């Protein structure tokens, strides 16, 4: 699919709806723009949510790890041949 696009004075371009649909780009999605020997490549960006752990959450992780370590101390591994 090809389209001729105009660049605004602020450097903005608008992708035609059919092109956005074909690429799976929805409103508010992020796009990666990359220069290549052939020109400019636009592709959807993948964003991954992250969690910032509070001190309380870190303490929960530490407690769970301690409980798991205690469990391993009382359970012997299966014998290997």
PDB file of N, CA and C in Angstrom:
ATOM      1  N   UNK A   1       0.852  -1.171   0.000  1.00  0.00           N
ATOM      2  CA  UNK A   1       0.000   0.000   0.000  1.00  0.00           C
ATOM      3  C   UNK A   1       0.898   1.233   0.000  1.00  0.00           C
ATOM      4  N   UNK A   2       0.606   2.185  -0.837  1.00  0.00           N
ATOM      5  CA  UNK A   2       1.373   3.417  -0.919  1.00  0.00           C
ATOM      6  C   UNK A   2       0.447   4.600  -0.746  1.00  0.00           C
ATOM      7  N   UNK A   3       0.995   5.684  -0.215  1.00  0.00           N
ATOM      8  CA  UNK A   3       0.250   6.925  -0.076  1.00  0.00           C
ATOM      9  C   UNK A   3       1.236   8.082  -0.125  1.00  0.00           C
ATOM     10  N   UNK A   4       0.825   9.177  -0.705  1.00  0.00           N
ATOM     11  CA  UNK A   4       1.622  10.399  -0.695  1.00  0.00           C
ATOM     12  C   UNK A   4       1.092  11.252   0.450  1.00  0.00           C
ATOM     13  N   UNK A   5       1.978  11.628   1.359  1.00  0.00           N
ATOM     14  CA  UNK A   5       1.588  12.366   2.555  1.00  0.00           C
ATOM     15  C   UNK A   5       2.239  13.738   2.550  1.00  0.00           C
ATOM     16  N   UNK A   6       1.607  14.689   3.194  1.00  0.00           N
ATOM     17  CA  UNK A   6       2.171  16.027   3.355  1.00  0.00           C
ATOM     18  C   UNK A   6       2.693  16.179   4.779  1.00  0.00           C
ATOM     19  N   UNK A   7       3.728  16.966   4.912  1.00  0.00           N
ATOM     20  CA  UNK A   7       4.285  17.268   6.228  1.00  0.00           C
ATOM     21  C   UNK A   7       3.878  18.695   6.570  1.00  0.00           C
ATOM     22  N   UNK A   8       3.290  18.878   7.753  1.00  0.00           N
ATOM     23  CA  UNK A   8       2.859  20.216   8.169  1.00  0.00           C
ATOM     24  C   UNK A   8       4.076  21.058   8.554  1.00  0.00           C
ATOM     25  N   UNK A   9       3.839  22.331   8.768  1.00  0.00           N
ATOM     26  CA  UNK A   9       4.908  23.233   9.200  1.00  0.00           C
ATOM     27  C   UNK A   9       5.510  22.825  10.535  1.00  0.00           C
ATOM     28  N   UNK A  10       4.760  22.080  11.336  1.00  0.00           N
ATOM     29  CA  UNK A  10       5.262  21.587  12.630  1.00  0.00           C
ATOM     30  C   UNK A  10       5.880  20.204  12.504  1.00  0.00           C
ATOM     31  N   UNK A  11       5.942  19.660  11.283  1.00  0.00           N
ATOM     32  CA  UNK A  11       6.551  18.346  11.078  1.00  0.00           C
ATOM     33  C   UNK A  11       5.595  17.185  11.271  1.00  0.00           C
ATOM     34  N   UNK A  12       4.299  17.459  11.321  1.00  0.00           N
ATOM     35  CA  UNK A  12       3.313  16.397  11.536  1.00  0.00           C
ATOM     36  C   UNK A  12       2.868  15.802  10.204  1.00  0.00           C
ATOM     37  N   UNK A  13       2.606  14.487  10.224  1.00  0.00           N
ATOM     38  CA  UNK A  13       2.020  13.812   9.077  1.00  0.00           C
ATOM     39  C   UNK A  13       0.776  13.080   9.555  1.00  0.00           C
ATOM     40  N   UNK A  14      -0.145  12.827   8.638  1.00  0.00           N
ATOM     41  CA  UNK A  14      -1.346  12.054   8.964  1.00  0.00           C
ATOM     42  C   UNK A  14      -1.340  10.799   8.105  1.00  0.00           C
ATOM     43  N   UNK A  15      -1.479   9.641   8.758  1.00  0.00           N
ATOM     44  CA  UNK A  15      -1.546   8.378   8.023  1.00  0.00           C
ATOM     45  C   UNK A  15      -3.000   8.100   7.646  1.00  0.00           C
ATOM     46  N   UNK A  16      -3.258   7.694   6.407  1.00  0.00           N
ATOM     47  CA  UNK A  16      -4.627   7.366   6.017  1.00  0.00           C
ATOM     48  C   UNK A  16      -5.192   6.232   6.874  1.00  0.00           C
ATOM     49  N   UNK A  17      -6.500   6.248   7.065  1.00  0.00           N
ATOM     50  CA  UNK A  17      -7.163   5.260   7.922  1.00  0.00           C
ATOM     51  C   UNK A  17      -6.869   3.827   7.487  1.00  0.00           C
ATOM     52  N   UNK A  18      -6.913   3.546   6.190  1.00  0.00           N
ATOM     53  CA  UNK A  18      -6.654   2.179   5.724  1.00  0.00           C
ATOM     54  C   UNK A  18      -5.245   1.728   6.069  1.00  0.00           C
ATOM     55  N   UNK A  19      -4.289   2.654   6.011  1.00  0.00           N
ATOM     56  CA  UNK A  19      -2.905   2.325   6.344  1.00  0.00           C
ATOM     57  C   UNK A  19      -2.772   2.049   7.850  1.00  0.00           C
ATOM     58  N   UNK A  20      -3.436   2.875   8.670  1.00  0.00           N
ATOM     59  CA  UNK A  20      -3.402   2.650  10.124  1.00  0.00           C
ATOM     60  C   UNK A  20      -4.039   1.319  10.467  1.00  0.00           C
ATOM     61  N   UNK A  21      -5.167   1.020   9.852  1.00  0.00           N
ATOM     62  CA  UNK A  21      -5.859  -0.252  10.118  1.00  0.00           C
ATOM     63  C   UNK A  21      -4.990  -1.432   9.716  1.00  0.00           C
ATOM     64  N   UNK A  22      -4.347  -1.343   8.563  1.00  0.00           N
ATOM     65  CA  UNK A  22      -3.498  -2.444   8.090  1.00  0.00           C
ATOM     66  C   UNK A  22      -2.323  -2.687   9.030  1.00  0.00           C
ATOM     67  N   UNK A  23      -1.824  -1.612   9.648  1.00  0.00           N
ATOM     68  CA  UNK A  23      -0.690  -1.737  10.561  1.00  0.00           C
ATOM     69  C   UNK A  23      -1.123  -1.990  12.001  1.00  0.00           C
ATOM     70  N   UNK A  24      -2.432  -1.951  12.264  1.00  0.00           N
ATOM     71  CA  UNK A  24      -2.916  -2.162  13.628  1.00  0.00           C
ATOM     72  C   UNK A  24      -2.653  -0.979  14.538  1.00  0.00           C
ATOM     73  N   UNK A  25      -2.587   0.214  13.966  1.00  0.00           N
ATOM     74  CA  UNK A  25      -2.305   1.424  14.753  1.00  0.00           C
ATOM     75  C   UNK A  25      -3.634   2.071  15.141  1.00  0.00           C
ATOM     76  N   UNK A  26      -3.800   2.280  16.451  1.00  0.00           N
ATOM     77  CA  UNK A  26      -5.016   2.892  16.986  1.00  0.00           C
ATOM     78  C   UNK A  26      -4.691   4.278  17.545  1.00  0.00           C
ATOM     79  N   UNK A  27      -5.712   5.108  17.766  1.00  0.00           N
ATOM     80  CA  UNK A  27      -5.460   6.420  18.369  1.00  0.00           C
ATOM     81  C   UNK A  27      -4.687   6.282  19.691  1.00  0.00           C
ATOM     82  N   UNK A  28      -3.774   7.168  19.906  1.00  0.00           N
ATOM     83  CA  UNK A  28      -2.917   7.249  21.096  1.00  0.00           C
ATOM     84  C   UNK A  28      -1.816   6.186  21.127  1.00  0.00           C
ATOM     85  N   UNK A  29      -1.713   5.322  20.116  1.00  0.00           N
ATOM     86  CA  UNK A  29      -0.608   4.356  20.065  1.00  0.00           C
ATOM     87  C   UNK A  29       0.700   5.099  19.825  1.00  0.00           C
ATOM     88  N   UNK A  30       1.786   4.511  20.277  1.00  0.00           N
ATOM     89  CA  UNK A  30       3.116   5.042  20.001  1.00  0.00           C
ATOM     90  C   UNK A  30       3.664   4.374  18.751  1.00  0.00           C
ATOM     91  N   UNK A  31       4.455   5.123  18.002  1.00  0.00           N
ATOM     92  CA  UNK A  31       5.050   4.616  16.769  1.00  0.00           C
ATOM     93  C   UNK A  31       6.548   4.873  16.816  1.00  0.00           C
ATOM     94  N   UNK A  32       7.302   3.915  16.324  1.00  0.00           N
ATOM     95  CA  UNK A  32       8.752   4.073  16.205  1.00  0.00           C
ATOM     96  C   UNK A  32       9.048   4.535  14.785  1.00  0.00           C
ATOM     97  N   UNK A  33       9.817   5.599  14.656  1.00  0.00           N
ATOM     98  CA  UNK A  33      10.273   6.082  13.354  1.00  0.00           C
ATOM     99  C   UNK A  33      11.768   5.815  13.280  1.00  0.00           C
ATOM    100  N   UNK A  34      12.192   5.165  12.213  1.00  0.00           N
ATOM    101  CA  UNK A  34      13.595   4.767  12.079  1.00  0.00           C
ATOM    102  C   UNK A  34      14.064   5.079  10.664  1.00  0.00           C
ATOM    103  N   UNK A  35      15.237   5.684  10.558  1.00  0.00           N
ATOM    104  CA  UNK A  35      15.787   5.922   9.225  1.00  0.00           C
ATOM    105  C   UNK A  35      16.500   4.661   8.767  1.00  0.00           C
ATOM    106  N   UNK A  36      16.272   4.308   7.520  1.00  0.00           N
ATOM    107  CA  UNK A  36      16.895   3.138   6.909  1.00  0.00           C
ATOM    108  C   UNK A  36      17.505   3.578   5.581  1.00  0.00           C
ATOM    109  N   UNK A  37      18.320   2.751   4.944  1.00  0.00           N
ATOM    110  CA  UNK A  37      18.858   3.125   3.641  1.00  0.00           C
ATOM    111  C   UNK A  37      17.753   3.393   2.607  1.00  0.00           C
ATOM    112  N   UNK A  38      16.575   2.779   2.796  1.00  0.00           N
ATOM    113  CA  UNK A  38      15.473   2.966   1.855  1.00  0.00           C
ATOM    114  C   UNK A  38      14.639   4.206   2.151  1.00  0.00           C
ATOM    115  N   UNK A  39      14.753   4.763   3.358  1.00  0.00           N
ATOM    116  CA  UNK A  39      13.946   5.919   3.741  1.00  0.00           C
ATOM    117  C   UNK A  39      13.588   5.855   5.208  1.00  0.00           C
ATOM    118  N   UNK A  40      12.392   6.275   5.546  1.00  0.00           N
ATOM    119  CA  UNK A  40      11.925   6.285   6.934  1.00  0.00           C
ATOM    120  C   UNK A  40      10.946   5.133   7.127  1.00  0.00           C
ATOM    121  N   UNK A  41      11.202   4.322   8.135  1.00  0.00           N
ATOM    122  CA  UNK A  41      10.343   3.193   8.469  1.00  0.00           C
ATOM    123  C   UNK A  41       9.516   3.576   9.689  1.00  0.00           C
ATOM    124  N   UNK A  42       8.197   3.464   9.588  1.00  0.00           N
ATOM    125  CA  UNK A  42       7.292   3.690  10.716  1.00  0.00           C
ATOM    126  C   UNK A  42       6.708   2.348  11.112  1.00  0.00           C
ATOM    127  N   UNK A  43       6.722   2.054  12.417  1.00  0.00           N
ATOM    128  CA  UNK A  43       6.128   0.800  12.886  1.00  0.00           C
ATOM    129  C   UNK A  43       5.565   0.996  14.282  1.00  0.00           C
ATOM    130  N   UNK A  44       4.545   0.206  14.629  1.00  0.00           N
ATOM    131  CA  UNK A  44       3.965   0.329  15.973  1.00  0.00           C
ATOM    132  C   UNK A  44       5.013   0.008  17.039  1.00  0.00           C
ATOM    133  N   UNK A  45       4.968   0.742  18.122  1.00  0.00           N
ATOM    134  CA  UNK A  45       5.864   0.501  19.248  1.00  0.00           C
ATOM    135  C   UNK A  45       5.153  -0.382  20.260  1.00  0.00           C
ATOM    136  N   UNK A  46       5.885  -1.272  20.878  1.00  0.00           N
ATOM    137  CA  UNK A  46       5.332  -2.124  21.926  1.00  0.00           C
ATOM    138  C   UNK A  46       5.681  -1.483  23.258  1.00  0.00           C
ATOM    139  N   UNK A  47       4.672  -1.245  24.066  1.00  0.00           N
ATOM    140  CA  UNK A  47       4.906  -0.695  25.399  1.00  0.00           C
ATOM    141  C   UNK A  47       4.524  -1.733  26.431  1.00  0.00           C
ATOM    142  N   UNK A  48       5.324  -1.812  27.470  1.00  0.00           N
ATOM    143  CA  UNK A  48       5.112  -2.800  28.518  1.00  0.00           C
ATOM    144  C   UNK A  48       4.925  -2.062  29.842  1.00  0.00           C
ATOM    145  N   UNK A  49       3.816  -2.324  30.526  1.00  0.00           N
ATOM    146  CA  UNK A  49       3.623  -1.663  31.811  1.00  0.00           C
ATOM    147  C   UNK A  49       4.636  -2.168  32.840  1.00  0.00           C
ATOM    148  N   UNK A  50       5.053  -1.303  33.713  1.00  0.00           N
ATOM    149  CA  UNK A  50       5.972  -1.697  34.780  1.00  0.00           C
ATOM    150  C   UNK A  50       5.335  -1.385  36.127  1.00  0.00           C
ATOM    151  N   UNK A  51       5.814  -2.069  37.147  1.00  0.00           N
ATOM    152  CA  UNK A  51       5.319  -1.832  38.498  1.00  0.00           C
ATOM    153  C   UNK A  51       6.497  -1.347  39.333  1.00  0.00           C
ATOM    154  N   UNK A  52       6.314  -0.250  40.017  1.00  0.00           N
ATOM    155  CA  UNK A  52       7.317   0.249  40.952  1.00  0.00           C
ATOM    156  C   UNK A  52       6.930  -0.310  42.315  1.00  0.00           C
ATOM    157  N   UNK A  53       7.837  -1.102  42.901  1.00  0.00           N
ATOM    158  CA  UNK A  53       7.515  -1.798  44.143  1.00  0.00           C
ATOM    159  C   UNK A  53       7.713  -0.902  45.361  1.00  0.00           C
ATOM    160  N   UNK A  54       6.699  -0.897  46.223  1.00  0.00           N
ATOM    161  CA  UNK A  54       6.790  -0.185  47.495  1.00  0.00           C
ATOM    162  C   UNK A  54       7.623  -1.026  48.457  1.00  0.00           C
ATOM    163  N   UNK A  55       8.042  -0.422  49.551  1.00  0.00           N
ATOM    164  CA  UNK A  55       8.793  -1.163  50.573  1.00  0.00           C
ATOM    165  C   UNK A  55       7.954  -2.322  51.113  1.00  0.00           C
ATOM    166  N   UNK A  56       6.648  -2.101  51.254  1.00  0.00           N
ATOM    167  CA  UNK A  56       5.757  -3.155  51.740  1.00  0.00           C
ATOM    168  C   UNK A  56       5.722  -4.333  50.760  1.00  0.00           C
ATOM    169  N   UNK A  57       5.649  -4.027  49.459  1.00  0.00           N
ATOM    170  CA  UNK A  57       5.613  -5.106  48.456  1.00  0.00           C
ATOM    171  C   UNK A  57       6.939  -5.868  48.438  1.00  0.00           C
ATOM    172  N   UNK A  58       8.041  -5.163  48.570  1.00  0.00           N
ATOM    173  CA  UNK A  58       9.352  -5.822  48.623  1.00  0.00           C
ATOM    174  C   UNK A  58       9.427  -6.742  49.832  1.00  0.00           C
ATOM    175  N   UNK A  59       8.876  -6.304  50.974  1.00  0.00           N
ATOM    176  CA  UNK A  59       8.853  -7.142  52.173  1.00  0.00           C
ATOM    177  C   UNK A  59       8.022  -8.403  51.927  1.00  0.00           C
ATOM    178  N   UNK A  60       6.938  -8.291  51.167  1.00  0.00           N
ATOM    179  CA  UNK A  60       6.134  -9.472  50.830  1.00  0.00           C
ATOM    180  C   UNK A  60       6.942 -10.457  49.991  1.00  0.00           C
ATOM    181  N   UNK A  61       7.705  -9.948  49.034  1.00  0.00           N
ATOM    182  CA  UNK A  61       8.567 -10.820  48.221  1.00  0.00           C
ATOM    183  C   UNK A  61       9.602 -11.524  49.104  1.00  0.00           C
ATOM    184  N   UNK A  62      10.224 -10.746  50.008  1.00  0.00           N
ATOM    185  CA  UNK A  62      11.240 -11.320  50.899  1.00  0.00           C
ATOM    186  C   UNK A  62      10.642 -12.418  51.768  1.00  0.00           C
ATOM    187  N   UNK A  63       9.432 -12.185  52.286  1.00  0.00           N
ATOM    188  CA  UNK A  63       8.762 -13.177  53.127  1.00  0.00           C
ATOM    189  C   UNK A  63       8.471 -14.448  52.336  1.00  0.00           C
ATOM    190  N   UNK A  64       7.978 -14.290  51.121  1.00  0.00           N
ATOM    191  CA  UNK A  64       7.665 -15.451  50.292  1.00  0.00           C
ATOM    192  C   UNK A  64       8.935 -16.244  49.973  1.00  0.00           C
ATOM    193  N   UNK A  65      10.029 -15.558  49.698  1.00  0.00           N
ATOM    194  CA  UNK A  65      11.297 -16.244  49.425  1.00  0.00           C
ATOM    195  C   UNK A  65      11.803 -16.980  50.659  1.00  0.00           C
ATOM    196  N   UNK A  66      11.640 -16.379  51.836  1.00  0.00           N
ATOM    197  CA  UNK A  66      12.065 -17.028  53.083  1.00  0.00           C
ATOM    198  C   UNK A  66      11.231 -18.284  53.334  1.00  0.00           C
ATOM    199  N   UNK A  67       9.925 -18.196  53.089  1.00  0.00           N
ATOM    200  CA  UNK A  67       9.063 -19.365  53.264  1.00  0.00           C
ATOM    201  C   UNK A  67       9.452 -20.476  52.295  1.00  0.00           C
ATOM    202  N   UNK A  68       9.777 -20.120  51.080  1.00  0.00           N
ATOM    203  CA  UNK A  68      10.193 -21.112  50.097  1.00  0.00           C
ATOM    204  C   UNK A  68      11.522 -21.750  50.496  1.00  0.00           C
ATOM    205  N   UNK A  69      12.447 -20.950  50.998  1.00  0.00           N
ATOM    206  CA  UNK A  69      13.731 -21.488  51.454  1.00  0.00           C
ATOM    207  C   UNK A  69      13.520 -22.458  52.611  1.00  0.00           C
ATOM    208  N   UNK A  70      12.639 -22.125  53.552  1.00  0.00           N
ATOM    209  CA  UNK A  70      12.329 -23.024  54.669  1.00  0.00           C
ATOM    210  C   UNK A  70      11.726 -24.327  54.165  1.00  0.00           C
ATOM    211  N   UNK A  71      10.847 -24.242  53.180  1.00  0.00           N
ATOM    212  CA  UNK A  71      10.224 -25.443  52.621  1.00  0.00           C
ATOM    213  C   UNK A  71      11.296 -26.356  52.032  1.00  0.00           C
ATOM    214  N   UNK A  72      12.239 -25.787  51.291  1.00  0.00           N
ATOM    215  CA  UNK A  72      13.287 -26.601  50.677  1.00  0.00           C
ATOM    216  C   UNK A  72      14.199 -27.244  51.730  1.00  0.00           C
ATOM    217  N   UNK A  73      14.350 -26.607  52.886  1.00  0.00           N
ATOM    218  CA  UNK A  73      15.174 -27.182  53.942  1.00  0.00           C
ATOM    219  C   UNK A  73      14.540 -28.430  54.533  1.00  0.00           C
ATOM    220  N   UNK A  74      13.208 -28.490  54.518  1.00  0.00           N
ATOM    221  CA  UNK A  74      12.511 -29.637  55.131  1.00  0.00           C
ATOM    222  C   UNK A  74      12.111 -30.699  54.129  1.00  0.00           C
ATOM    223  N   UNK A  75      12.290 -30.455  52.883  1.00  0.00           N
ATOM    224  CA  UNK A  75      11.927 -31.432  51.835  1.00  0.00           C
ATOM    225  C   UNK A  75      13.187 -31.794  51.064  1.00  0.00           C
ATOM    226  N   UNK A  76      13.539 -33.048  51.119  1.00  0.00           N
ATOM    227  CA  UNK A  76      14.734 -33.480  50.415  1.00  0.00           C
ATOM    228  C   UNK A  76      14.413 -33.661  48.936  1.00  0.00           C
ATOM    229  N   UNK A  77      15.347 -33.354  48.080  1.00  0.00           N
ATOM    230  CA  UNK A  77      15.101 -33.535  46.633  1.00  0.00           C
ATOM    231  C   UNK A  77      15.019 -35.025  46.298  1.00  0.00           C
ATOM    232  N   UNK A  78      14.362 -35.336  45.233  1.00  0.00           N
ATOM    233  CA  UNK A  78      14.273 -36.710  44.776  1.00  0.00           C
ATOM    234  C   UNK A  78      15.662 -37.206  44.383  1.00  0.00           C
ATOM    235  N   UNK A  79      15.910 -38.471  44.660  1.00  0.00           N
ATOM    236  CA  UNK A  79      17.200 -39.047  44.309  1.00  0.00           C
ATOM    237  C   UNK A  79      17.309 -39.147  42.797  1.00  0.00           C
ATOM    238  N   UNK A  80      18.466 -38.845  42.270  1.00  0.00           N
ATOM    239  CA  UNK A  80      18.694 -38.975  40.832  1.00  0.00           C
ATOM    240  C   UNK A  80      19.492 -40.244  40.579  1.00  0.00           C
ATOM    241  N   UNK A  81      19.218 -40.929  39.499  1.00  0.00           N
ATOM    242  CA  UNK A  81      19.921 -42.206  39.208  1.00  0.00           C
ATOM    243  C   UNK A  81      21.383 -42.000  38.895  1.00  0.00           C
TER     244      UNK A  81
END
